[in-house]
Amino acid sequence: RYTEQGGTLTDVSEFKVLAGQGISAVVDKVRIVVGKPELLKTQGIDLAGTKALMAKYYEQGATVILVAAGDIPLGLIALADTVRGDSPEAVSKLNALGITPMLLTGDNGKAAVSIAAKVGITEVKANLLPENKMQIIKESAESNKKICMVGDGVNDALALSSAYAGIAMGGVGSDIAVESADAVLVSDDIKRLPYLFCITRKSMAKVKQNIIISLIINFTAIILSGFGILTPVTAALVHNFGSVFVVVNAALLLRERDK
C-alpha cells in the first residue's frame, strides 16, 4: 500500500476497462475517466474548453486522451506513434506482391492518415472499436476478399480471429492477440511479412503441382498396367518414383531465402 517515496496509495473502486475507449474508476469518492473524447462525452462531461487544444494536437497527427474528474476535464495526454524505419520498405514489397495494405486503427482520423502517409498506405479506417475492426473484416470476407490481419494488442484479438489469416507480433503482442492468431512473428520483424506471403504462395503452388504430377503418374501407370506393359515390380518402382519426386519437389522450397 506504500509507494517508493513513502506515500500511501489511494483506494480505487469500480475500476472498468472500456475496450477501445478508455478506463474509469472511483478514487476518493470521485469518478475519474481517462479515454477518448467520445467516451467523456457519453459521461456527460463538457469538452468545450478543450477543443482548441485538442485541435492543435490533432493537426500534429497525435491521438488525444482526456482525463476528467467528476464532470471537470483536468487535462489531456497527446500520443503519437513512431513509425518503424523498415515499415515503408515492407509496405512497398507487399504492394509489389499484389497485396493491398489497409490501416485499421482506433486512433483519430488525422493521426491515422499521417502515419499511413509515412509508410505508403492509402486505405485508412480510423476511430474504430475492436468490434468495428471485426465487422470490416467480416464484410470483406462476404465480398470474397481474403483478409490477413496483423496486430499486437488486445483490441486486435477479435479481428485476428475473424480474418482469413491472423499474424501477431510475438514480442510486443499481448497474450490474447498471440492466442487468436494463426501465425506469430517471434522477432517482431515486420520486414518478414513480404517473405511470409511469398513463401506461402510458393508452398501452395508446390502442393498443387505435386497433386497434379502425382495424378498424372498414377493414371499413366494404370493405363500401362492395363496394356500389360507394367508388371507388379515395375509398377511398384513407378509408385515409389512418384513418392520420391513429390518429396524432392517440395524440398526445393528450402532454397528459398528471405532476401
Protein backbone atom coordinates (compact mmCIF):
# COMPACT_ATOMS: atom_id res chain seq x y z
CA ARG A 1 0.00 0.00 0.00
CA TYR A 2 3.04 2.33 0.06
CA THR A 3 4.92 3.86 -2.85
CA GLU A 4 8.71 4.02 -3.10
CA GLN A 5 8.52 7.64 -1.92
CA GLY A 6 6.75 6.56 1.26
CA GLY A 7 3.26 7.84 0.47
CA THR A 8 0.12 5.74 0.70
CA LEU A 9 -1.85 4.71 -2.37
CA THR A 10 -5.42 5.93 -2.67
CA ASP A 11 -8.18 3.36 -2.62
CA VAL A 12 -9.63 2.68 -6.08
CA SER A 13 -13.01 1.06 -6.68
CA GLU A 14 -15.39 0.36 -9.57
CA PHE A 15 -12.47 0.13 -11.99
CA LYS A 16 -13.67 -0.51 -15.56
CA VAL A 17 -11.85 -1.03 -18.82
CA LEU A 18 -13.91 0.07 -21.81
CA ALA A 19 -12.33 -1.70 -24.78
CA GLY A 20 -11.08 0.73 -27.39
CA GLN A 21 -12.37 3.75 -25.44
CA GLY A 22 -10.62 4.16 -22.09
CA ILE A 23 -10.90 3.44 -18.39
CA SER A 24 -12.89 4.74 -15.45
CA ALA A 25 -12.70 4.30 -11.68
CA VAL A 26 -13.78 5.88 -8.42
CA VAL A 27 -10.91 7.44 -6.43
CA ASP A 28 -11.71 9.04 -3.06
CA LYS A 29 -15.39 9.02 -3.99
CA VAL A 30 -14.67 10.91 -7.24
CA ARG A 31 -15.12 9.22 -10.60
CA ILE A 32 -12.00 9.51 -12.77
CA VAL A 33 -12.36 8.93 -16.51
CA VAL A 34 -9.38 8.58 -18.87
CA GLY A 35 -10.01 7.95 -22.55
CA LYS A 36 -11.15 9.22 -25.90
CA PRO A 37 -13.18 12.43 -26.17
CA GLU A 38 -16.16 10.35 -27.30
CA LEU A 39 -16.06 8.41 -24.02
CA LEU A 40 -16.08 11.56 -21.92
CA LYS A 41 -18.98 12.95 -23.93
CA THR A 42 -21.04 9.85 -23.17
CA GLN A 43 -20.31 10.53 -19.47
CA GLY A 44 -21.88 13.99 -19.81
CA ILE A 45 -18.57 15.86 -19.50
CA ASP A 46 -18.40 19.24 -21.25
CA LEU A 47 -15.32 19.43 -23.51
CA ALA A 48 -15.96 22.88 -24.98
CA GLY A 49 -12.92 24.35 -23.21
CA THR A 50 -10.55 21.71 -24.58
CA LYS A 51 -11.49 21.86 -28.27
CA ALA A 52 -8.76 24.32 -29.30
CA LEU A 53 -6.05 22.35 -27.51
CA MET A 54 -7.27 19.05 -28.95
CA ALA A 55 -7.36 20.53 -32.45
CA LYS A 56 -3.73 21.64 -32.05
CA TYR A 57 -2.54 18.08 -31.35
CA TYR A 58 -4.84 16.57 -33.96
CA GLU A 59 -3.15 18.75 -36.57
CA GLN A 60 0.18 17.29 -35.46
CA GLY A 61 -1.10 13.77 -36.11
CA ALA A 62 -1.41 12.85 -32.44
CA THR A 63 -4.13 10.92 -30.63
CA VAL A 64 -5.67 12.75 -27.70
CA ILE A 65 -6.53 11.05 -24.40
CA LEU A 66 -8.51 13.19 -21.96
CA VAL A 67 -8.52 12.99 -18.17
CA ALA A 68 -11.53 14.11 -16.17
CA ALA A 69 -12.55 14.07 -12.51
CA GLY A 70 -16.28 14.11 -11.97
CA ASP A 71 -17.66 16.47 -14.62
CA ILE A 72 -14.47 18.53 -14.95
CA PRO A 73 -11.77 17.93 -17.63
CA LEU A 74 -8.37 18.08 -15.91
CA GLY A 75 -6.09 17.81 -18.92
CA LEU A 76 -5.05 15.70 -21.84
CA ILE A 77 -2.33 13.33 -22.97
CA ALA A 78 -1.18 13.56 -26.59
CA LEU A 79 0.13 10.28 -28.01
CA ALA A 80 1.91 9.91 -31.34
CA ASP A 81 3.14 6.69 -32.94
CA THR A 82 6.73 6.33 -34.06
CA VAL A 83 7.00 4.76 -37.49
CA ARG A 84 9.42 1.86 -37.74
CA GLY A 85 12.21 2.59 -40.14
CA ASP A 86 11.60 -0.63 -42.07
CA SER A 87 7.82 -0.16 -42.45
CA PRO A 88 7.85 1.76 -45.77
CA GLU A 89 10.03 -0.94 -47.36
CA ALA A 90 7.73 -3.72 -46.08
CA VAL A 91 4.62 -1.94 -47.39
CA SER A 92 6.30 -1.35 -50.75
CA LYS A 93 7.14 -5.06 -51.09
CA LEU A 94 3.59 -6.05 -50.14
CA ASN A 95 2.23 -3.77 -52.87
CA ALA A 96 4.66 -5.36 -55.33
CA LEU A 97 3.18 -8.77 -54.43
CA GLY A 98 -0.29 -7.52 -55.30
CA ILE A 99 -1.34 -7.24 -51.64
CA THR A 100 -3.20 -4.07 -50.66
CA PRO A 101 -2.32 -2.90 -47.12
CA MET A 102 -5.08 -1.28 -45.08
CA LEU A 103 -4.70 0.51 -41.75
CA LEU A 104 -7.39 -0.26 -39.15
CA THR A 105 -6.93 1.81 -36.02
CA GLY A 106 -8.72 3.24 -33.03
CA ASP A 107 -6.77 6.50 -33.39
CA ASN A 108 -8.40 9.65 -34.75
CA GLY A 109 -8.56 10.19 -38.49
CA LYS A 110 -5.80 12.79 -38.81
CA ALA A 111 -3.31 10.75 -36.78
CA ALA A 112 -4.13 7.64 -38.79
CA VAL A 113 -3.77 9.41 -42.15
CA SER A 114 -0.46 10.94 -41.04
CA ILE A 115 1.02 7.57 -40.09
CA ALA A 116 -0.36 5.86 -43.21
CA ALA A 117 1.17 8.52 -45.47
CA LYS A 118 4.61 7.96 -43.92
CA VAL A 119 4.61 4.24 -44.71
CA GLY A 120 2.77 4.36 -48.05
CA ILE A 121 -0.66 3.02 -47.06
CA THR A 122 -3.58 4.59 -48.92
CA GLU A 123 -6.56 2.79 -47.38
CA VAL A 124 -7.24 4.00 -43.83
CA LYS A 125 -10.13 3.40 -41.44
CA ALA A 126 -9.87 5.26 -38.13
CA ASN A 127 -11.80 5.73 -34.86
CA LEU A 128 -12.55 2.00 -34.75
CA LEU A 129 -13.57 -0.07 -31.76
CA PRO A 130 -12.49 -3.75 -31.64
CA GLU A 131 -15.90 -4.87 -32.91
CA ASN A 132 -15.66 -2.35 -35.79
CA LYS A 133 -12.39 -3.92 -36.96
CA MET A 134 -14.00 -7.35 -36.82
CA GLN A 135 -17.03 -6.13 -38.78
CA ILE A 136 -14.88 -4.64 -41.55
CA ILE A 137 -13.03 -7.95 -41.91
CA LYS A 138 -16.27 -9.94 -41.99
CA GLU A 139 -17.73 -7.63 -44.65
CA SER A 140 -14.59 -8.10 -46.75
CA ALA A 141 -14.91 -11.88 -46.37
CA GLU A 142 -18.51 -11.70 -47.60
CA SER A 143 -17.17 -9.92 -50.70
CA ASN A 144 -14.86 -12.92 -51.33
CA LYS A 145 -11.79 -10.96 -50.24
CA LYS A 146 -9.21 -12.88 -48.23
CA ILE A 147 -8.00 -10.66 -45.41
CA CYS A 148 -4.82 -11.20 -43.42
CA MET A 149 -4.84 -9.25 -40.15
CA VAL A 150 -1.57 -8.21 -38.49
CA GLY A 151 -1.89 -6.96 -34.92
CA ASP A 152 -0.38 -6.96 -31.46
CA GLY A 153 -2.88 -5.63 -28.93
CA VAL A 154 -5.96 -6.71 -27.00
CA ASN A 155 -8.06 -4.58 -29.35
CA ASP A 156 -6.85 -6.66 -32.31
CA ALA A 157 -7.87 -10.05 -30.90
CA LEU A 158 -11.37 -10.11 -32.43
CA ALA A 159 -10.05 -9.05 -35.83
CA LEU A 160 -7.22 -11.58 -35.72
CA SER A 161 -9.61 -14.46 -35.04
CA SER A 162 -12.11 -13.26 -37.68
CA ALA A 163 -9.61 -12.81 -40.52
CA TYR A 164 -8.83 -15.45 -43.15
CA ALA A 165 -5.34 -15.44 -41.60
CA GLY A 166 -4.10 -13.71 -38.47
CA ILE A 167 -0.50 -12.74 -37.70
CA ALA A 168 0.51 -11.49 -34.26
CA MET A 169 3.67 -9.79 -33.05
CA GLY A 170 5.22 -12.26 -30.62
CA GLY A 171 7.48 -9.93 -28.64
CA VAL A 172 5.34 -6.83 -28.13
CA GLY A 173 1.98 -8.51 -28.66
CA SER A 174 -0.46 -9.29 -25.86
CA ASP A 175 -1.10 -12.91 -24.91
CA ILE A 176 -4.67 -12.83 -26.20
CA ALA A 177 -3.51 -11.48 -29.57
CA VAL A 178 -0.93 -14.26 -29.88
CA GLU A 179 -3.53 -16.90 -28.95
CA SER A 180 -6.01 -15.51 -31.52
CA ALA A 181 -3.53 -15.52 -34.42
CA ASP A 182 -2.65 -18.26 -36.89
CA ALA A 183 1.00 -17.24 -37.10
CA VAL A 184 3.37 -15.31 -34.86
CA LEU A 185 6.33 -13.12 -35.81
CA VAL A 186 8.59 -14.08 -32.92
CA SER A 187 11.17 -11.37 -33.60
CA ASP A 188 8.52 -8.67 -34.35
CA ASP A 189 10.41 -8.01 -37.59
CA ILE A 190 7.78 -6.56 -39.89
CA LYS A 191 10.17 -6.90 -42.83
CA ARG A 192 9.49 -10.64 -42.73
CA LEU A 193 5.86 -10.15 -43.80
CA PRO A 194 6.57 -9.98 -47.57
CA TYR A 195 8.73 -13.13 -47.30
CA LEU A 196 5.96 -14.88 -45.33
CA PHE A 197 3.39 -14.15 -48.05
CA CYS A 198 5.85 -15.08 -50.78
CA ILE A 199 6.82 -18.46 -49.26
CA THR A 200 3.15 -19.19 -48.54
CA ARG A 201 2.22 -18.69 -52.18
CA LYS A 202 5.13 -20.81 -53.38
CA SER A 203 4.21 -23.56 -50.90
CA MET A 204 0.63 -23.69 -52.18
CA ALA A 205 1.93 -23.73 -55.76
CA LYS A 206 4.13 -26.73 -54.89
CA VAL A 207 1.18 -28.52 -53.28
CA LYS A 208 -0.97 -28.09 -56.39
CA GLN A 209 1.96 -29.03 -58.62
CA ASN A 210 2.65 -32.22 -56.65
CA ILE A 211 -1.00 -33.27 -56.69
CA ILE A 212 -1.28 -32.83 -60.47
CA ILE A 213 2.00 -34.64 -61.22
CA SER A 214 1.12 -37.48 -58.83
CA LEU A 215 -2.25 -37.96 -60.52
CA ILE A 216 -0.60 -38.00 -63.96
CA ILE A 217 1.95 -40.62 -62.83
CA ASN A 218 -0.75 -42.82 -61.24
CA PHE A 219 -3.15 -42.64 -64.18
CA THR A 220 -0.31 -43.34 -66.61
CA ALA A 221 0.73 -46.36 -64.52
CA ILE A 222 -2.86 -47.68 -64.51
CA ILE A 223 -3.13 -47.39 -68.29
CA LEU A 224 0.25 -49.05 -68.87
CA SER A 225 -0.68 -51.83 -66.44
CA GLY A 226 -3.92 -52.37 -68.34
CA PHE A 227 -1.94 -52.97 -71.52
CA GLY A 228 0.41 -55.31 -69.69
CA ILE A 229 3.40 -53.03 -70.11
CA LEU A 230 3.91 -52.61 -66.36
CA THR A 231 4.48 -55.65 -64.20
CA PRO A 232 3.84 -55.62 -60.41
CA VAL A 233 7.54 -54.99 -59.84
CA THR A 234 7.84 -52.08 -62.29
CA ALA A 235 4.53 -50.67 -61.07
CA ALA A 236 5.91 -50.61 -57.51
CA LEU A 237 9.01 -48.82 -58.77
CA VAL A 238 6.90 -46.21 -60.59
CA HIS A 239 4.83 -45.68 -57.43
CA ASN A 240 7.97 -45.13 -55.35
CA PHE A 241 9.35 -42.80 -58.02
CA GLY A 242 6.22 -40.66 -57.68
CA SER A 243 6.59 -40.53 -53.90
CA VAL A 244 10.26 -39.55 -54.10
CA PHE A 245 9.54 -36.92 -56.75
CA VAL A 246 6.90 -35.23 -54.56
CA VAL A 247 9.28 -35.08 -51.59
CA VAL A 248 12.20 -33.76 -53.65
CA ASN A 249 10.00 -31.19 -55.41
CA ALA A 250 8.69 -29.91 -52.06
CA ALA A 251 12.22 -29.87 -50.61
CA LEU A 252 13.24 -27.37 -53.30
CA LEU A 253 11.41 -24.76 -51.19
CA LEU A 254 14.33 -24.97 -48.76
CA ARG A 255 16.35 -22.98 -51.28
CA GLU A 256 14.03 -20.01 -50.79
CA ARG A 257 15.61 -17.45 -48.51
CA ASP A 258 14.41 -14.12 -47.19
CA LYS A 259 16.30 -11.60 -49.29
